[in-house]
C-alpha atoms as a PDB file:
ATOM      1  CA  MET A   1       0.000   0.000   0.000  1.00  0.00           C
ATOM      2  CA  THR A   2       1.384   3.407  -0.883  1.00  0.00           C
ATOM      3  CA  SER A   3       2.090   5.780   1.959  1.00  0.00           C
ATOM      4  CA  ARG A   4      -0.404   8.313   0.573  1.00  0.00           C
ATOM      5  CA  ARG A   5      -3.169   5.715   0.476  1.00  0.00           C
ATOM      6  CA  ALA A   6      -2.269   4.520   3.983  1.00  0.00           C
ATOM      7  CA  LYS A   7      -2.324   8.084   5.342  1.00  0.00           C
ATOM      8  CA  LEU A   8      -5.687   8.800   3.718  1.00  0.00           C
ATOM      9  CA  ALA A   9      -7.171   5.542   5.052  1.00  0.00           C
ATOM     10  CA  GLU A  10      -5.891   6.239   8.567  1.00  0.00           C
ATOM     11  CA  LEU A  11      -7.315   9.760   8.486  1.00  0.00           C
ATOM     12  CA  ALA A  12     -10.661   8.435   7.240  1.00  0.00           C
ATOM     13  CA  LYS A  13     -10.789   5.934  10.103  1.00  0.00           C
ATOM     14  CA  THR A  14      -9.883   8.426  12.837  1.00  0.00           C
ATOM     15  CA  ILE A  15     -11.374  11.750  11.712  1.00  0.00           C
ATOM     16  CA  LYS A  16     -13.885  13.395  14.030  1.00  0.00           C
ATOM     17  CA  GLY A  17     -16.939  14.227  11.983  1.00  0.00           C
ATOM     18  CA  LYS A  18     -18.341  12.844   8.769  1.00  0.00           C
ATOM     19  CA  MET A  19     -16.257  12.190   5.679  1.00  0.00           C
ATOM     20  CA  ILE A  20     -16.832  10.739   2.239  1.00  0.00           C
ATOM     21  CA  ILE A  21     -14.240   9.660  -0.331  1.00  0.00           C
ATOM     22  CA  SER A  22     -14.585   8.449  -3.925  1.00  0.00           C
ATOM     23  CA  VAL A  23     -11.770   6.272  -5.339  1.00  0.00           C
ATOM     24  CA  ASN A  24     -11.226   3.642  -8.032  1.00  0.00           C
ATOM     25  CA  ASP A  25     -12.623   0.224  -7.118  1.00  0.00           C
ATOM     26  CA  THR A  26      -9.497  -1.896  -6.685  1.00  0.00           C
ATOM     27  CA  PRO A  27      -8.649  -4.661  -4.223  1.00  0.00           C
ATOM     28  CA  GLU A  28      -5.949  -2.424  -2.716  1.00  0.00           C
ATOM     29  CA  MET A  29      -8.457   0.358  -2.017  1.00  0.00           C
ATOM     30  CA  ARG A  30     -10.940  -2.092  -0.520  1.00  0.00           C
ATOM     31  CA  GLN A  31      -8.205  -3.431   1.762  1.00  0.00           C
ATOM     32  CA  ALA A  32      -6.969   0.030   2.762  1.00  0.00           C
ATOM     33  CA  PHE A  33     -10.441   1.260   3.732  1.00  0.00           C
ATOM     34  CA  ALA A  34     -11.703  -1.991   5.301  1.00  0.00           C
ATOM     35  CA  GLY A  35     -13.827  -1.267   8.368  1.00  0.00           C
ATOM     36  CA  LEU A  36     -15.539   1.777   6.842  1.00  0.00           C
ATOM     37  CA  HIS A  37     -18.830   1.825   4.923  1.00  0.00           C
ATOM     38  CA  ILE A  38     -17.964   0.973   1.288  1.00  0.00           C
ATOM     39  CA  GLU A  39     -20.375   1.068  -1.641  1.00  0.00           C
ATOM     40  CA  SER A  40     -19.441   0.189  -5.222  1.00  0.00           C
ATOM     41  CA  VAL A  41     -20.975   2.349  -7.952  1.00  0.00           C
ATOM     42  CA  ASP A  42     -20.823   1.627 -11.695  1.00  0.00           C
ATOM     43  CA  ILE A  43     -19.624   4.630 -13.695  1.00  0.00           C
ATOM     44  CA  THR A  44     -18.517   5.540 -17.209  1.00  0.00           C
ATOM     45  CA  TYR A  45     -15.353   7.587 -17.658  1.00  0.00           C
ATOM     46  CA  THR A  46     -15.371   9.980 -20.595  1.00  0.00           C
ATOM     47  CA  VAL A  47     -12.746  12.457 -21.744  1.00  0.00           C
ATOM     48  CA  GLY A  48     -13.368  15.723 -23.542  1.00  0.00           C
ATOM     49  CA  GLY A  49     -17.071  15.138 -24.075  1.00  0.00           C
ATOM     50  CA  ALA A  50     -16.536  11.873 -25.931  1.00  0.00           C
ATOM     51  CA  LYS A  51     -19.746   9.984 -26.631  1.00  0.00           C
ATOM     52  CA  LYS A  52     -18.219   6.603 -25.881  1.00  0.00           C
ATOM     53  CA  GLY A  53     -16.652   6.041 -22.488  1.00  0.00           C
ATOM     54  CA  SER A  54     -14.973   3.347 -20.470  1.00  0.00           C
ATOM     55  CA  LYS A  55     -17.157   1.472 -17.977  1.00  0.00           C
ATOM     56  CA  THR A  56     -15.658   0.865 -14.541  1.00  0.00           C
ATOM     57  CA  ALA A  57     -16.558   1.031 -10.853  1.00  0.00           C
ATOM     58  CA  GLU A  58     -15.874   3.589  -8.162  1.00  0.00           C
ATOM     59  CA  LEU A  59     -15.929   3.086  -4.403  1.00  0.00           C
ATOM     60  CA  VAL A  60     -17.824   5.572  -2.283  1.00  0.00           C
ATOM     61  CA  ILE A  61     -16.391   5.307   1.222  1.00  0.00           C
ATOM     62  CA  SER A  62     -17.874   6.983   4.284  1.00  0.00           C
ATOM     63  CA  ASN A  63     -17.601   6.762   8.050  1.00  0.00           C
ATOM     64  CA  TRP A  64     -21.310   6.776   8.817  1.00  0.00           C
END
């Protein structure tokens, strides 16, 4: 796990107050943020207004 990801995950787990983060749905992200509320959302990435995009998933992570 990268140090940036580890720092963000630790902050998310210890922050006082509500927080929400959106990140790519990867096994590493799921592992880093384990213990928090995680929801997978299907999305389509597009660049520059392109009509055809790339389908993928995003994780919406919150502490409530």
